[in-house]
Amino acid sequence: QVQLVESGGGLVQAGGSLRLSCAASGRTLSRYAMCWFRRAPGNDREFVASITRSGGSTYYAEFVKGRFTISRDNAKMTLYLQMNSLKPEDTAVYYCAAAANYGMGSLPPLSDYGYWGQGTQVTVSS
């Protein structure tokens, strides 16, 4: 099975940018559809963005459209989340997740993301 490790979080001022990375090991990344979720203090986990195995299709939560970009480099076994125009309400722990057994162009239902990283903290100050 795949193991996932996120990095790139930190403290940034509102309006700033961060790029999160999710490094995969154990199984080739191209076997998995990938997703970013986040959890803010006191809130439930929420979907941020997803990407197909091929990287050809992406899907975003409405609140990040135009600000965040999900991408992947299967050769480097890494998933990315470029976050621009950050807002204080983006403060959360960000998790990457993987879903197996889907076609190259499929975006799985959120409940099928069964492999998770440990998360990386993003804090946006006002």
C-alpha atoms as a PDB file:
ATOM      1  CA  GLN A   1       0.000   0.000   0.000  1.00  0.00           C
ATOM      2  CA  VAL A   2       1.015   3.609  -0.389  1.00  0.00           C
ATOM      3  CA  GLN A   3       2.411   5.788   2.398  1.00  0.00           C
ATOM      4  CA  LEU A   4       1.885   9.558   2.251  1.00  0.00           C
ATOM      5  CA  VAL A   5       3.809  12.362   3.933  1.00  0.00           C
ATOM      6  CA  GLU A   6       2.748  16.001   3.661  1.00  0.00           C
ATOM      7  CA  SER A   7       5.068  18.979   3.971  1.00  0.00           C
ATOM      8  CA  GLY A   8       5.166  22.674   3.166  1.00  0.00           C
ATOM      9  CA  GLY A   9       2.807  24.025   5.773  1.00  0.00           C
ATOM     10  CA  GLY A  10       3.619  27.006   7.938  1.00  0.00           C
ATOM     11  CA  LEU A  11       2.625  30.482   9.014  1.00  0.00           C
ATOM     12  CA  VAL A  12       1.813  33.041   6.332  1.00  0.00           C
ATOM     13  CA  GLN A  13       0.114  36.422   6.254  1.00  0.00           C
ATOM     14  CA  ALA A  14      -3.238  36.885   4.577  1.00  0.00           C
ATOM     15  CA  GLY A  15      -2.784  37.304   0.850  1.00  0.00           C
ATOM     16  CA  GLY A  16       0.341  35.175   0.841  1.00  0.00           C
ATOM     17  CA  SER A  17       1.087  31.827  -0.778  1.00  0.00           C
ATOM     18  CA  LEU A  18       2.224  28.363   0.207  1.00  0.00           C
ATOM     19  CA  ARG A  19       2.836  25.179  -1.735  1.00  0.00           C
ATOM     20  CA  LEU A  20       2.065  21.924  -0.019  1.00  0.00           C
ATOM     21  CA  SER A  21       3.656  18.672  -1.101  1.00  0.00           C
ATOM     22  CA  CYS A  22       2.594  15.099  -0.496  1.00  0.00           C
ATOM     23  CA  ALA A  23       5.344  12.544  -1.042  1.00  0.00           C
ATOM     24  CA  ALA A  24       4.283   8.990  -1.765  1.00  0.00           C
ATOM     25  CA  SER A  25       6.204   5.786  -1.166  1.00  0.00           C
ATOM     26  CA  GLY A  26       5.514   2.087  -1.181  1.00  0.00           C
ATOM     27  CA  ARG A  27       3.458   2.005  -4.374  1.00  0.00           C
ATOM     28  CA  THR A  28       3.728   4.069  -7.522  1.00  0.00           C
ATOM     29  CA  LEU A  29       1.683   7.247  -7.255  1.00  0.00           C
ATOM     30  CA  SER A  30       0.108   6.793 -10.683  1.00  0.00           C
ATOM     31  CA  ARG A  31      -1.987   3.941  -9.284  1.00  0.00           C
ATOM     32  CA  TYR A  32      -4.006   6.381  -7.189  1.00  0.00           C
ATOM     33  CA  ALA A  33      -6.474   9.202  -7.605  1.00  0.00           C
ATOM     34  CA  MET A  34      -5.455  11.892  -5.123  1.00  0.00           C
ATOM     35  CA  CYS A  35      -7.166  14.459  -3.003  1.00  0.00           C
ATOM     36  CA  TRP A  36      -6.521  17.218  -0.494  1.00  0.00           C
ATOM     37  CA  PHE A  37      -8.740  17.642   2.553  1.00  0.00           C
ATOM     38  CA  ARG A  38      -8.463  20.017   5.478  1.00  0.00           C
ATOM     39  CA  ARG A  39      -9.694  20.233   9.045  1.00  0.00           C
ATOM     40  CA  ALA A  40      -9.925  23.490  10.948  1.00  0.00           C
ATOM     41  CA  PRO A  41     -10.162  23.533  14.754  1.00  0.00           C
ATOM     42  CA  GLY A  42     -13.660  22.624  15.853  1.00  0.00           C
ATOM     43  CA  ASN A  43     -14.766  21.785  12.318  1.00  0.00           C
ATOM     44  CA  ASP A  44     -15.338  18.628  10.377  1.00  0.00           C
ATOM     45  CA  ARG A  45     -12.936  17.539   7.710  1.00  0.00           C
ATOM     46  CA  GLU A  46     -13.735  19.184   4.377  1.00  0.00           C
ATOM     47  CA  PHE A  47     -12.800  18.478   0.795  1.00  0.00           C
ATOM     48  CA  VAL A  48     -10.413  20.902  -0.910  1.00  0.00           C
ATOM     49  CA  ALA A  49      -9.412  19.478  -4.299  1.00  0.00           C
ATOM     50  CA  SER A  50      -8.945  16.229  -6.185  1.00  0.00           C
ATOM     51  CA  ILE A  51      -7.067  15.039  -9.254  1.00  0.00           C
ATOM     52  CA  THR A  52      -7.279  11.959 -11.454  1.00  0.00           C
ATOM     53  CA  ARG A  53      -4.516   9.404 -11.768  1.00  0.00           C
ATOM     54  CA  SER A  54      -3.411  10.919 -15.066  1.00  0.00           C
ATOM     55  CA  GLY A  55      -3.610  14.488 -13.782  1.00  0.00           C
ATOM     56  CA  GLY A  56      -5.883  15.334 -16.678  1.00  0.00           C
ATOM     57  CA  SER A  57      -8.903  16.319 -14.600  1.00  0.00           C
ATOM     58  CA  THR A  58      -9.242  18.240 -11.374  1.00  0.00           C
ATOM     59  CA  TYR A  59     -12.089  19.256  -9.108  1.00  0.00           C
ATOM     60  CA  TYR A  60     -12.193  21.988  -6.472  1.00  0.00           C
ATOM     61  CA  ALA A  61     -14.310  23.039  -3.567  1.00  0.00           C
ATOM     62  CA  GLU A  62     -16.074  26.287  -4.359  1.00  0.00           C
ATOM     63  CA  PHE A  63     -14.254  28.213  -1.646  1.00  0.00           C
ATOM     64  CA  VAL A  64     -10.814  27.577  -3.206  1.00  0.00           C
ATOM     65  CA  LYS A  65     -11.612  27.982  -6.893  1.00  0.00           C
ATOM     66  CA  GLY A  66      -9.309  30.470  -8.515  1.00  0.00           C
ATOM     67  CA  ARG A  67      -6.946  30.479  -5.523  1.00  0.00           C
ATOM     68  CA  PHE A  68      -5.679  26.887  -5.140  1.00  0.00           C
ATOM     69  CA  THR A  69      -4.256  24.547  -7.762  1.00  0.00           C
ATOM     70  CA  ILE A  70      -3.822  20.806  -7.345  1.00  0.00           C
ATOM     71  CA  SER A  71      -1.217  19.048  -9.465  1.00  0.00           C
ATOM     72  CA  ARG A  72       0.867  15.904  -9.472  1.00  0.00           C
ATOM     73  CA  ASP A  73       4.180  14.624 -10.764  1.00  0.00           C
ATOM     74  CA  ASN A  74       3.858  10.864 -10.978  1.00  0.00           C
ATOM     75  CA  ALA A  75       7.527  10.447 -11.903  1.00  0.00           C
ATOM     76  CA  LYS A  76       8.509  12.265  -8.699  1.00  0.00           C
ATOM     77  CA  MET A  77       5.822  10.449  -6.707  1.00  0.00           C
ATOM     78  CA  THR A  78       4.529  13.777  -5.413  1.00  0.00           C
ATOM     79  CA  LEU A  79       1.201  15.572  -5.169  1.00  0.00           C
ATOM     80  CA  TYR A  80       1.053  19.349  -4.795  1.00  0.00           C
ATOM     81  CA  LEU A  81      -1.340  22.034  -3.660  1.00  0.00           C
ATOM     82  CA  GLN A  82      -0.418  25.569  -4.657  1.00  0.00           C
ATOM     83  CA  MET A  83      -2.309  27.972  -2.416  1.00  0.00           C
ATOM     84  CA  ASN A  84      -2.479  31.650  -3.348  1.00  0.00           C
ATOM     85  CA  SER A  85      -4.396  34.597  -1.907  1.00  0.00           C
ATOM     86  CA  LEU A  86      -4.624  32.820   1.416  1.00  0.00           C
ATOM     87  CA  LYS A  87      -7.246  33.920   3.926  1.00  0.00           C
ATOM     88  CA  PRO A  88      -7.386  33.460   7.707  1.00  0.00           C
ATOM     89  CA  GLU A  89     -10.269  31.032   7.196  1.00  0.00           C
ATOM     90  CA  ASP A  90      -7.893  28.757   5.265  1.00  0.00           C
ATOM     91  CA  THR A  91      -6.162  27.996   8.566  1.00  0.00           C
ATOM     92  CA  ALA A  92      -6.352  24.222   9.063  1.00  0.00           C
ATOM     93  CA  VAL A  93      -4.436  20.980   9.026  1.00  0.00           C
ATOM     94  CA  TYR A  94      -4.182  19.860   5.406  1.00  0.00           C
ATOM     95  CA  TYR A  95      -4.173  16.187   4.522  1.00  0.00           C
ATOM     96  CA  CYS A  96      -3.492  14.366   1.294  1.00  0.00           C
ATOM     97  CA  ALA A  97      -5.338  11.156   0.565  1.00  0.00           C
ATOM     98  CA  ALA A  98      -5.251   8.426  -2.066  1.00  0.00           C
ATOM     99  CA  ALA A  99      -7.886   6.213  -3.634  1.00  0.00           C
ATOM    100  CA  ALA A 100      -7.019   2.969  -5.394  1.00  0.00           C
ATOM    101  CA  ASN A 101      -8.799   0.899  -8.058  1.00  0.00           C
ATOM    102  CA  TYR A 102     -10.086   3.684 -10.239  1.00  0.00           C
ATOM    103  CA  GLY A 103      -9.501   4.383 -13.906  1.00  0.00           C
ATOM    104  CA  MET A 104      -6.999   6.940 -15.151  1.00  0.00           C
ATOM    105  CA  GLY A 105      -9.692   9.554 -15.723  1.00  0.00           C
ATOM    106  CA  SER A 106     -11.939   8.939 -12.752  1.00  0.00           C
ATOM    107  CA  LEU A 107     -12.569  11.098  -9.696  1.00  0.00           C
ATOM    108  CA  PRO A 108     -13.646   8.758  -6.897  1.00  0.00           C
ATOM    109  CA  PRO A 109     -16.297   9.576  -4.320  1.00  0.00           C
ATOM    110  CA  LEU A 110     -14.757  11.161  -1.246  1.00  0.00           C
ATOM    111  CA  SER A 111     -15.561   8.165   0.919  1.00  0.00           C
ATOM    112  CA  ASP A 112     -13.211   5.999  -1.169  1.00  0.00           C
ATOM    113  CA  TYR A 113     -10.030   7.838  -0.236  1.00  0.00           C
ATOM    114  CA  GLY A 114      -8.627   5.243   2.122  1.00  0.00           C
ATOM    115  CA  TYR A 115      -4.953   6.162   2.453  1.00  0.00           C
ATOM    116  CA  TRP A 116      -4.030   9.275   4.412  1.00  0.00           C
ATOM    117  CA  GLY A 117      -1.003  11.271   5.410  1.00  0.00           C
ATOM    118  CA  GLN A 118      -0.413  12.724   8.861  1.00  0.00           C
ATOM    119  CA  GLY A 119      -1.246  16.283   7.847  1.00  0.00           C
ATOM    120  CA  THR A 120       0.586  19.591   7.729  1.00  0.00           C
ATOM    121  CA  GLN A 121      -0.494  22.732   9.589  1.00  0.00           C
ATOM    122  CA  VAL A 122      -1.290  25.893   7.634  1.00  0.00           C
ATOM    123  CA  THR A 123      -1.859  29.063   9.631  1.00  0.00           C
ATOM    124  CA  VAL A 124      -2.885  32.306   7.959  1.00  0.00           C
ATOM    125  CA  SER A 125      -2.634  35.450  10.030  1.00  0.00           C
ATOM    126  CA  SER A 126      -4.761  38.525   9.393  1.00  0.00           C
END
